[in-house]
Amino acid sequence: MRRRSIPVSLLSFALAAAPLLPFGALAATRTTTFSVTLTLQNDCQIAANTLNFGNSGVIATNIDQTTTLSVTCTNGAPYNVGLDAGSVGGSTVANRLLGGTGTPAPTVAYQLYRDAARSLIWGQTVGTDTQSGTGTGAAQTLTVYGRVAPQNTPAAGTYSSTVTATVTF
């Protein structure tokens, strides 16, 4: 009868690996906790859509149009939105101008308002002629009411301006 022997290296491996096998006596655990934090600061974002007065001939009656601004501020953050005079030379908040091409450059007067009655000019002085609100954490829509009032009509062409909307929070 032949005796079989297990090589020493195989026996050593089996003994070394034994503690790694799942046994009921080795099922103890320990736990710990850790904190997860996020600090949110008051913040706002603003986006604008184009205000297009469309096509017109002689400007004999009011041309009214609207556009919207989207303001997203952290919940509870007070904010004010202001509109500047626009990019055309000579424009002021009280007398905004659309500029055309030519020499001298022709202009068309227009105005931006905070209310549908078009009585509250929308300017950029916080607390005076801006639109105030309080953030909700979601986008809030603000309507800009525009008007081109009757005036002497300049030469045909495209008239434009770039207005900067600023949110202060």
N, C-alpha and C. Protein backbone atom coordinates (compact mmCIF):
# COMPACT_ATOMS: atom_id res chain seq x y z
N MET A 1 0.80 -1.16 0.00
CA MET A 1 0.00 0.00 0.00
C MET A 1 0.87 1.25 0.00
N ARG A 2 0.51 2.09 -0.84
CA ARG A 2 1.26 3.31 -1.00
C ARG A 2 0.66 4.43 -0.18
N ARG A 3 1.46 5.17 0.40
CA ARG A 3 1.01 6.31 1.17
C ARG A 3 1.13 7.57 0.35
N ARG A 4 0.11 8.35 0.43
CA ARG A 4 0.16 9.64 -0.29
C ARG A 4 0.52 10.72 0.71
N SER A 5 1.32 11.60 0.28
CA SER A 5 1.66 12.72 1.15
C SER A 5 1.36 14.02 0.42
N ILE A 6 0.94 14.97 1.16
CA ILE A 6 0.64 16.28 0.60
C ILE A 6 1.93 17.08 0.63
N PRO A 7 2.26 17.67 -0.49
CA PRO A 7 3.49 18.46 -0.50
C PRO A 7 3.39 19.59 0.54
N VAL A 8 4.51 19.92 1.12
CA VAL A 8 4.57 20.92 2.18
C VAL A 8 4.07 22.29 1.69
N SER A 9 4.38 22.68 0.47
CA SER A 9 3.96 23.99 -0.02
C SER A 9 2.45 24.09 -0.13
N LEU A 10 1.77 23.05 -0.56
CA LEU A 10 0.32 23.06 -0.65
C LEU A 10 -0.30 23.14 0.75
N LEU A 11 0.25 22.39 1.69
CA LEU A 11 -0.23 22.41 3.06
C LEU A 11 -0.04 23.81 3.68
N SER A 12 1.08 24.45 3.40
CA SER A 12 1.34 25.80 3.92
C SER A 12 0.32 26.79 3.37
N PHE A 13 0.00 26.70 2.08
CA PHE A 13 -0.98 27.60 1.46
C PHE A 13 -2.35 27.42 2.10
N ALA A 14 -2.77 26.18 2.30
CA ALA A 14 -4.08 25.90 2.88
C ALA A 14 -4.18 26.47 4.29
N LEU A 15 -3.14 26.34 5.07
CA LEU A 15 -3.16 26.86 6.43
C LEU A 15 -3.15 28.39 6.44
N ALA A 16 -2.43 29.00 5.50
CA ALA A 16 -2.37 30.46 5.44
C ALA A 16 -3.71 31.06 4.98
N ALA A 17 -4.42 30.38 4.08
CA ALA A 17 -5.68 30.89 3.54
C ALA A 17 -6.86 30.63 4.46
N ALA A 18 -6.74 29.76 5.42
CA ALA A 18 -7.85 29.39 6.29
C ALA A 18 -8.48 30.59 6.99
N PRO A 19 -7.72 31.57 7.49
CA PRO A 19 -8.37 32.71 8.15
C PRO A 19 -9.22 33.56 7.21
N LEU A 20 -9.01 33.45 5.90
CA LEU A 20 -9.77 34.24 4.95
C LEU A 20 -11.13 33.64 4.63
N LEU A 21 -11.34 32.42 4.99
CA LEU A 21 -12.61 31.76 4.70
C LEU A 21 -13.67 32.23 5.69
N PRO A 22 -14.93 32.37 5.23
CA PRO A 22 -15.98 32.85 6.13
C PRO A 22 -16.36 31.79 7.16
N PHE A 23 -16.15 32.08 8.39
CA PHE A 23 -16.56 31.23 9.49
C PHE A 23 -17.41 32.07 10.42
N GLY A 24 -18.40 31.50 11.03
CA GLY A 24 -19.29 32.22 11.94
C GLY A 24 -18.55 32.96 13.04
N ALA A 25 -17.47 32.44 13.51
CA ALA A 25 -16.74 33.07 14.60
C ALA A 25 -16.03 34.33 14.14
N LEU A 26 -15.85 34.52 12.84
CA LEU A 26 -15.14 35.67 12.32
C LEU A 26 -16.09 36.71 11.73
N ALA A 27 -17.37 36.73 12.07
CA ALA A 27 -18.35 37.61 11.46
C ALA A 27 -18.57 38.92 12.22
N ALA A 28 -17.73 39.31 13.12
CA ALA A 28 -17.89 40.56 13.87
C ALA A 28 -17.64 41.76 12.95
N THR A 29 -18.31 42.88 13.21
CA THR A 29 -18.13 44.10 12.41
C THR A 29 -17.97 45.29 13.33
N ARG A 30 -17.42 46.32 12.78
CA ARG A 30 -17.32 47.60 13.47
C ARG A 30 -17.82 48.67 12.50
N THR A 31 -18.45 49.72 13.01
CA THR A 31 -18.94 50.79 12.15
C THR A 31 -18.46 52.14 12.65
N THR A 32 -18.54 53.09 11.78
CA THR A 32 -18.25 54.48 12.13
C THR A 32 -19.17 55.36 11.30
N THR A 33 -19.22 56.60 11.60
CA THR A 33 -20.02 57.54 10.82
C THR A 33 -19.12 58.65 10.30
N PHE A 34 -19.59 59.35 9.28
CA PHE A 34 -18.88 60.53 8.79
C PHE A 34 -19.89 61.55 8.33
N SER A 35 -19.51 62.80 8.37
CA SER A 35 -20.40 63.90 7.99
C SER A 35 -20.31 64.17 6.50
N VAL A 36 -21.42 64.59 5.93
CA VAL A 36 -21.48 65.04 4.55
C VAL A 36 -22.06 66.45 4.60
N THR A 37 -21.34 67.43 4.06
CA THR A 37 -21.80 68.82 4.15
C THR A 37 -21.75 69.51 2.79
N LEU A 38 -22.56 70.53 2.67
CA LEU A 38 -22.57 71.42 1.51
C LEU A 38 -22.97 72.78 2.03
N THR A 39 -22.21 73.79 1.70
CA THR A 39 -22.54 75.16 2.10
C THR A 39 -23.03 75.91 0.87
N LEU A 40 -24.28 76.35 0.90
CA LEU A 40 -24.83 77.13 -0.20
C LEU A 40 -24.78 78.60 0.18
N GLN A 41 -24.33 79.41 -0.74
CA GLN A 41 -24.29 80.84 -0.54
C GLN A 41 -25.37 81.47 -1.41
N ASN A 42 -25.82 82.67 -1.02
CA ASN A 42 -26.78 83.37 -1.87
C ASN A 42 -26.18 83.52 -3.26
N ASP A 43 -26.96 83.18 -4.26
CA ASP A 43 -26.50 83.23 -5.64
C ASP A 43 -27.71 83.45 -6.53
N CYS A 44 -27.47 84.05 -7.69
CA CYS A 44 -28.53 84.26 -8.67
C CYS A 44 -27.97 84.06 -10.07
N GLN A 45 -28.83 83.63 -10.96
CA GLN A 45 -28.53 83.55 -12.38
C GLN A 45 -29.64 84.29 -13.11
N ILE A 46 -29.29 84.88 -14.27
CA ILE A 46 -30.28 85.63 -15.04
C ILE A 46 -30.09 85.31 -16.52
N ALA A 47 -31.20 85.21 -17.21
CA ALA A 47 -31.19 84.98 -18.66
C ALA A 47 -32.27 85.86 -19.28
N ALA A 48 -32.05 86.25 -20.53
CA ALA A 48 -33.00 87.16 -21.20
C ALA A 48 -33.36 86.64 -22.58
N ASN A 49 -34.54 87.01 -23.03
CA ASN A 49 -35.01 86.73 -24.39
C ASN A 49 -35.06 88.03 -25.17
N THR A 50 -35.02 87.93 -26.48
CA THR A 50 -35.05 89.09 -27.36
C THR A 50 -36.41 89.78 -27.31
N LEU A 51 -36.38 91.10 -27.32
CA LEU A 51 -37.60 91.91 -27.46
C LEU A 51 -37.64 92.36 -28.92
N ASN A 52 -38.64 91.91 -29.65
CA ASN A 52 -38.74 92.22 -31.08
C ASN A 52 -40.02 93.01 -31.32
N PHE A 53 -39.87 94.25 -31.75
CA PHE A 53 -41.03 95.09 -32.04
C PHE A 53 -41.64 94.77 -33.41
N GLY A 54 -41.05 93.87 -34.14
CA GLY A 54 -41.61 93.44 -35.42
C GLY A 54 -41.33 94.42 -36.54
N ASN A 55 -42.19 94.42 -37.55
CA ASN A 55 -42.07 95.30 -38.72
C ASN A 55 -43.13 96.39 -38.64
N SER A 56 -42.75 97.58 -39.08
CA SER A 56 -43.69 98.70 -39.05
C SER A 56 -43.37 99.63 -40.21
N GLY A 57 -44.32 100.46 -40.52
CA GLY A 57 -44.11 101.55 -41.48
C GLY A 57 -44.01 102.83 -40.68
N VAL A 58 -44.85 103.78 -40.99
CA VAL A 58 -44.89 105.03 -40.24
C VAL A 58 -45.28 104.72 -38.79
N ILE A 59 -44.56 105.31 -37.85
CA ILE A 59 -44.83 105.06 -36.43
C ILE A 59 -45.87 106.08 -35.95
N ALA A 60 -47.14 105.78 -36.22
CA ALA A 60 -48.23 106.70 -35.91
C ALA A 60 -48.99 106.31 -34.65
N THR A 61 -48.81 105.06 -34.19
CA THR A 61 -49.48 104.59 -32.97
C THR A 61 -48.45 103.81 -32.14
N ASN A 62 -48.81 103.56 -30.88
CA ASN A 62 -47.92 102.78 -30.02
C ASN A 62 -47.67 101.40 -30.62
N ILE A 63 -46.43 100.97 -30.56
CA ILE A 63 -46.07 99.59 -30.90
C ILE A 63 -45.64 98.95 -29.59
N ASP A 64 -46.48 98.06 -29.07
CA ASP A 64 -46.21 97.42 -27.78
C ASP A 64 -45.83 95.96 -27.98
N GLN A 65 -44.80 95.54 -27.26
CA GLN A 65 -44.37 94.14 -27.26
C GLN A 65 -43.83 93.81 -25.88
N THR A 66 -43.71 92.53 -25.60
CA THR A 66 -43.13 92.08 -24.32
C THR A 66 -42.05 91.04 -24.58
N THR A 67 -41.24 90.86 -23.58
CA THR A 67 -40.28 89.77 -23.54
C THR A 67 -40.16 89.33 -22.09
N THR A 68 -39.35 88.33 -21.83
CA THR A 68 -39.21 87.86 -20.45
C THR A 68 -37.74 87.72 -20.05
N LEU A 69 -37.54 87.85 -18.76
CA LEU A 69 -36.27 87.55 -18.13
C LEU A 69 -36.52 86.36 -17.21
N SER A 70 -35.53 85.52 -17.06
CA SER A 70 -35.62 84.40 -16.13
C SER A 70 -34.58 84.61 -15.04
N VAL A 71 -35.03 84.66 -13.79
CA VAL A 71 -34.14 84.87 -12.65
C VAL A 71 -34.25 83.66 -11.73
N THR A 72 -33.11 83.05 -11.44
CA THR A 72 -33.07 81.93 -10.52
C THR A 72 -32.13 82.29 -9.38
N CYS A 73 -32.68 82.42 -8.17
CA CYS A 73 -31.88 82.76 -6.99
C CYS A 73 -32.11 81.71 -5.91
N THR A 74 -31.13 81.56 -5.04
CA THR A 74 -31.29 80.64 -3.92
C THR A 74 -32.53 81.03 -3.11
N ASN A 75 -33.15 80.03 -2.54
CA ASN A 75 -34.39 80.23 -1.79
C ASN A 75 -34.17 81.25 -0.67
N GLY A 76 -35.01 82.27 -0.65
CA GLY A 76 -34.97 83.29 0.39
C GLY A 76 -34.05 84.46 0.09
N ALA A 77 -33.31 84.40 -1.00
CA ALA A 77 -32.37 85.49 -1.33
C ALA A 77 -33.12 86.66 -1.96
N PRO A 78 -33.06 87.84 -1.36
CA PRO A 78 -33.68 89.02 -1.98
C PRO A 78 -32.85 89.47 -3.18
N TYR A 79 -33.52 89.93 -4.23
CA TYR A 79 -32.79 90.38 -5.42
C TYR A 79 -33.48 91.58 -6.04
N ASN A 80 -32.74 92.29 -6.89
CA ASN A 80 -33.26 93.39 -7.70
C ASN A 80 -32.73 93.21 -9.11
N VAL A 81 -33.58 93.40 -10.11
CA VAL A 81 -33.16 93.31 -11.51
C VAL A 81 -33.26 94.69 -12.13
N GLY A 82 -32.16 95.13 -12.71
CA GLY A 82 -32.11 96.42 -13.38
C GLY A 82 -31.80 96.27 -14.85
N LEU A 83 -32.25 97.24 -15.65
CA LEU A 83 -31.97 97.29 -17.08
C LEU A 83 -31.26 98.59 -17.38
N ASP A 84 -30.14 98.51 -18.11
CA ASP A 84 -29.42 99.74 -18.43
C ASP A 84 -30.07 100.46 -19.61
N ALA A 85 -29.46 101.57 -20.04
CA ALA A 85 -30.03 102.42 -21.10
C ALA A 85 -29.90 101.81 -22.48
N GLY A 86 -29.04 100.82 -22.63
CA GLY A 86 -28.83 100.22 -23.94
C GLY A 86 -27.52 100.69 -24.55
N SER A 87 -27.19 100.12 -25.69
CA SER A 87 -25.87 100.32 -26.30
C SER A 87 -25.78 101.49 -27.28
N VAL A 88 -26.88 102.12 -27.61
CA VAL A 88 -26.86 103.20 -28.60
C VAL A 88 -26.42 104.51 -27.93
N GLY A 89 -25.48 105.18 -28.55
CA GLY A 89 -24.99 106.45 -28.03
C GLY A 89 -26.13 107.44 -27.85
N GLY A 90 -26.14 108.14 -26.71
CA GLY A 90 -27.19 109.11 -26.43
C GLY A 90 -28.36 108.53 -25.68
N SER A 91 -28.42 107.19 -25.54
CA SER A 91 -29.52 106.57 -24.79
C SER A 91 -29.37 106.85 -23.31
N THR A 92 -30.50 107.06 -22.66
CA THR A 92 -30.56 107.14 -21.20
C THR A 92 -31.70 106.23 -20.77
N VAL A 93 -31.76 105.93 -19.48
CA VAL A 93 -32.87 105.12 -18.99
C VAL A 93 -34.19 105.82 -19.27
N ALA A 94 -34.22 107.14 -19.18
CA ALA A 94 -35.45 107.90 -19.42
C ALA A 94 -35.78 108.03 -20.90
N ASN A 95 -34.80 107.87 -21.78
CA ASN A 95 -35.00 108.03 -23.22
C ASN A 95 -34.12 107.02 -23.97
N ARG A 96 -34.61 105.80 -24.05
CA ARG A 96 -33.86 104.75 -24.73
C ARG A 96 -33.99 104.90 -26.24
N LEU A 97 -32.91 104.50 -26.94
CA LEU A 97 -32.88 104.63 -28.40
C LEU A 97 -32.48 103.33 -29.07
N LEU A 98 -33.14 103.06 -30.19
CA LEU A 98 -32.71 102.02 -31.12
C LEU A 98 -31.91 102.72 -32.20
N GLY A 99 -30.78 102.17 -32.59
CA GLY A 99 -29.94 102.82 -33.59
C GLY A 99 -30.00 102.12 -34.93
N GLY A 100 -30.00 102.93 -36.00
CA GLY A 100 -29.95 102.42 -37.36
C GLY A 100 -28.58 102.68 -37.96
N THR A 101 -28.48 102.50 -39.27
CA THR A 101 -27.21 102.75 -39.96
C THR A 101 -27.33 104.00 -40.80
N GLY A 102 -26.21 104.66 -40.98
CA GLY A 102 -26.18 105.88 -41.77
C GLY A 102 -25.39 106.94 -41.05
N THR A 103 -25.20 108.07 -41.72
CA THR A 103 -24.46 109.19 -41.12
C THR A 103 -25.28 110.45 -41.30
N PRO A 104 -25.70 111.10 -40.26
CA PRO A 104 -25.61 110.61 -38.88
C PRO A 104 -26.54 109.42 -38.67
N ALA A 105 -26.20 108.59 -37.69
CA ALA A 105 -26.99 107.38 -37.43
C ALA A 105 -28.40 107.75 -36.97
N PRO A 106 -29.43 107.28 -37.67
CA PRO A 106 -30.81 107.56 -37.26
C PRO A 106 -31.17 106.75 -36.02
N THR A 107 -32.13 107.22 -35.28
CA THR A 107 -32.58 106.51 -34.08
C THR A 107 -34.10 106.46 -34.01
N VAL A 108 -34.59 105.49 -33.26
CA VAL A 108 -36.02 105.37 -32.92
C VAL A 108 -36.10 105.31 -31.40
N ALA A 109 -36.91 106.16 -30.81
CA ALA A 109 -37.08 106.16 -29.35
C ALA A 109 -38.00 105.01 -28.94
N TYR A 110 -37.67 104.40 -27.81
CA TYR A 110 -38.51 103.34 -27.24
C TYR A 110 -38.33 103.37 -25.73
N GLN A 111 -39.15 102.58 -25.03
CA GLN A 111 -39.02 102.53 -23.58
C GLN A 111 -39.33 101.13 -23.07
N LEU A 112 -38.76 100.80 -21.91
CA LEU A 112 -38.98 99.52 -21.24
C LEU A 112 -39.62 99.79 -19.88
N TYR A 113 -40.63 98.97 -19.56
CA TYR A 113 -41.41 99.19 -18.34
C TYR A 113 -41.50 97.91 -17.51
N ARG A 114 -41.79 98.11 -16.22
CA ARG A 114 -41.97 97.00 -15.28
C ARG A 114 -43.43 96.57 -15.16
N ASP A 115 -44.37 97.33 -15.72
CA ASP A 115 -45.79 97.04 -15.54
C ASP A 115 -46.52 97.05 -16.88
N ALA A 116 -47.63 96.31 -16.92
CA ALA A 116 -48.41 96.19 -18.16
C ALA A 116 -49.02 97.51 -18.59
N ALA A 117 -49.27 98.42 -17.66
CA ALA A 117 -49.83 99.74 -18.00
C ALA A 117 -48.77 100.64 -18.64
N ARG A 118 -47.53 100.18 -18.60
CA ARG A 118 -46.39 100.93 -19.15
C ARG A 118 -46.29 102.32 -18.53
N SER A 119 -46.32 102.32 -17.20
CA SER A 119 -46.18 103.58 -16.47
C SER A 119 -44.93 103.61 -15.59
N LEU A 120 -44.34 102.45 -15.29
CA LEU A 120 -43.16 102.37 -14.43
C LEU A 120 -41.94 102.02 -15.26
N ILE A 121 -41.12 103.03 -15.58
CA ILE A 121 -39.92 102.79 -16.39
C ILE A 121 -38.99 101.85 -15.64
N TRP A 122 -38.39 100.92 -16.38
CA TRP A 122 -37.47 99.95 -15.79
C TRP A 122 -36.06 100.47 -15.98
N GLY A 123 -35.43 100.83 -14.86
CA GLY A 123 -34.08 101.36 -14.90
C GLY A 123 -33.10 100.47 -14.16
N GLN A 124 -32.06 101.10 -13.63
CA GLN A 124 -31.00 100.32 -12.99
C GLN A 124 -30.60 100.82 -11.61
N THR A 125 -31.39 101.71 -11.03
CA THR A 125 -31.09 102.21 -9.68
C THR A 125 -31.84 101.36 -8.66
N VAL A 126 -31.10 100.52 -7.94
CA VAL A 126 -31.71 99.60 -6.98
C VAL A 126 -32.55 100.38 -5.97
N GLY A 127 -33.77 99.90 -5.76
CA GLY A 127 -34.67 100.53 -4.81
C GLY A 127 -35.47 101.68 -5.38
N THR A 128 -35.18 102.08 -6.61
CA THR A 128 -35.89 103.19 -7.23
C THR A 128 -36.69 102.74 -8.45
N ASP A 129 -35.99 102.17 -9.43
CA ASP A 129 -36.68 101.80 -10.68
C ASP A 129 -36.31 100.40 -11.16
N THR A 130 -35.94 99.52 -10.21
CA THR A 130 -35.65 98.13 -10.54
C THR A 130 -36.81 97.24 -10.11
N GLN A 131 -36.78 96.00 -10.53
CA GLN A 131 -37.81 95.03 -10.14
C GLN A 131 -37.23 94.17 -9.03
N SER A 132 -37.88 94.14 -7.87
CA SER A 132 -37.37 93.36 -6.75
C SER A 132 -38.14 92.06 -6.60
N GLY A 133 -37.52 91.13 -5.92
CA GLY A 133 -38.15 89.85 -5.66
C GLY A 133 -37.36 89.07 -4.63
N THR A 134 -37.84 87.88 -4.31
CA THR A 134 -37.17 86.98 -3.39
C THR A 134 -37.05 85.63 -4.06
N GLY A 135 -35.85 85.07 -4.05
CA GLY A 135 -35.60 83.80 -4.70
C GLY A 135 -36.39 82.66 -4.09
N THR A 136 -36.74 81.71 -4.94
CA THR A 136 -37.45 80.51 -4.50
C THR A 136 -36.62 79.25 -4.71
N GLY A 137 -35.45 79.40 -5.32
CA GLY A 137 -34.64 78.25 -5.68
C GLY A 137 -34.98 77.72 -7.07
N ALA A 138 -36.05 78.23 -7.66
CA ALA A 138 -36.47 77.84 -9.01
C ALA A 138 -36.50 79.09 -9.89
N ALA A 139 -36.56 78.89 -11.18
CA ALA A 139 -36.61 80.02 -12.12
C ALA A 139 -37.90 80.82 -11.92
N GLN A 140 -37.75 82.14 -11.88
CA GLN A 140 -38.90 83.05 -11.80
C GLN A 140 -38.89 83.90 -13.07
N THR A 141 -40.05 84.07 -13.68
CA THR A 141 -40.16 84.82 -14.93
C THR A 141 -40.60 86.24 -14.65
N LEU A 142 -39.85 87.19 -15.18
CA LEU A 142 -40.21 88.61 -15.09
C LEU A 142 -40.53 89.09 -16.50
N THR A 143 -41.63 89.81 -16.64
CA THR A 143 -42.02 90.33 -17.96
C THR A 143 -41.49 91.74 -18.13
N VAL A 144 -40.89 91.99 -19.28
CA VAL A 144 -40.45 93.33 -19.67
C VAL A 144 -41.45 93.84 -20.70
N TYR A 145 -42.03 95.00 -20.44
CA TYR A 145 -43.02 95.59 -21.32
C TYR A 145 -42.34 96.69 -22.14
N GLY A 146 -42.33 96.53 -23.45
CA GLY A 146 -41.69 97.52 -24.31
C GLY A 146 -42.70 98.33 -25.10
N ARG A 147 -42.30 99.56 -25.43
CA ARG A 147 -43.18 100.42 -26.23
C ARG A 147 -42.34 101.35 -27.11
N VAL A 148 -42.73 101.40 -28.39
CA VAL A 148 -42.27 102.45 -29.30
C VAL A 148 -43.46 103.38 -29.45
N ALA A 149 -43.33 104.61 -28.97
CA ALA A 149 -44.42 105.59 -29.03
C ALA A 149 -44.42 106.29 -30.38
N PRO A 150 -45.56 106.89 -30.77
CA PRO A 150 -45.60 107.63 -32.04
C PRO A 150 -44.49 108.69 -32.08
N GLN A 151 -43.87 108.83 -33.24
CA GLN A 151 -42.76 109.76 -33.42
C GLN A 151 -42.49 109.97 -34.90
N ASN A 152 -41.69 110.95 -35.21
CA ASN A 152 -41.28 111.14 -36.60
C ASN A 152 -40.52 109.89 -37.03
N THR A 153 -40.92 109.33 -38.15
CA THR A 153 -40.34 108.07 -38.59
C THR A 153 -39.08 108.31 -39.41
N PRO A 154 -37.94 107.73 -38.98
CA PRO A 154 -36.70 107.89 -39.74
C PRO A 154 -36.70 106.97 -40.98
N ALA A 155 -35.59 106.92 -41.66
CA ALA A 155 -35.45 106.11 -42.88
C ALA A 155 -35.70 104.63 -42.58
N ALA A 156 -36.15 103.92 -43.61
CA ALA A 156 -36.37 102.48 -43.48
C ALA A 156 -35.05 101.79 -43.15
N GLY A 157 -35.12 100.72 -42.41
CA GLY A 157 -33.93 99.96 -42.02
C GLY A 157 -34.19 99.21 -40.74
N THR A 158 -33.18 98.51 -40.29
CA THR A 158 -33.28 97.77 -39.03
C THR A 158 -32.64 98.60 -37.93
N TYR A 159 -33.37 98.76 -36.84
CA TYR A 159 -32.91 99.54 -35.69
C TYR A 159 -32.76 98.60 -34.50
N SER A 160 -31.67 98.74 -33.77
CA SER A 160 -31.44 97.81 -32.66
C SER A 160 -30.63 98.45 -31.54
N SER A 161 -30.62 97.77 -30.42
CA SER A 161 -29.84 98.16 -29.25
C SER A 161 -29.60 96.90 -28.44
N THR A 162 -28.59 96.90 -27.62
CA THR A 162 -28.33 95.80 -26.71
C THR A 162 -28.47 96.33 -25.29
N VAL A 163 -29.42 95.78 -24.56
CA VAL A 163 -29.69 96.19 -23.18
C VAL A 163 -29.08 95.14 -22.25
N THR A 164 -28.42 95.61 -21.20
CA THR A 164 -27.84 94.70 -20.20
C THR A 164 -28.77 94.62 -19.00
N ALA A 165 -29.17 93.38 -18.68
CA ALA A 165 -29.98 93.12 -17.48
C ALA A 165 -29.04 92.64 -16.38
N THR A 166 -29.17 93.25 -15.21
CA THR A 166 -28.28 92.91 -14.08
C THR A 166 -29.12 92.52 -12.88
N VAL A 167 -28.78 91.39 -12.27
CA VAL A 167 -29.43 90.99 -11.02
C VAL A 167 -28.47 91.29 -9.87
N THR A 168 -28.97 92.03 -8.90
CA THR A 168 -28.19 92.38 -7.70
C THR A 168 -28.81 91.63 -6.53
N PHE A 169 -27.97 90.93 -5.77
CA PHE A 169 -28.49 90.13 -4.65
C PHE A 169 -27.58 90.22 -3.45
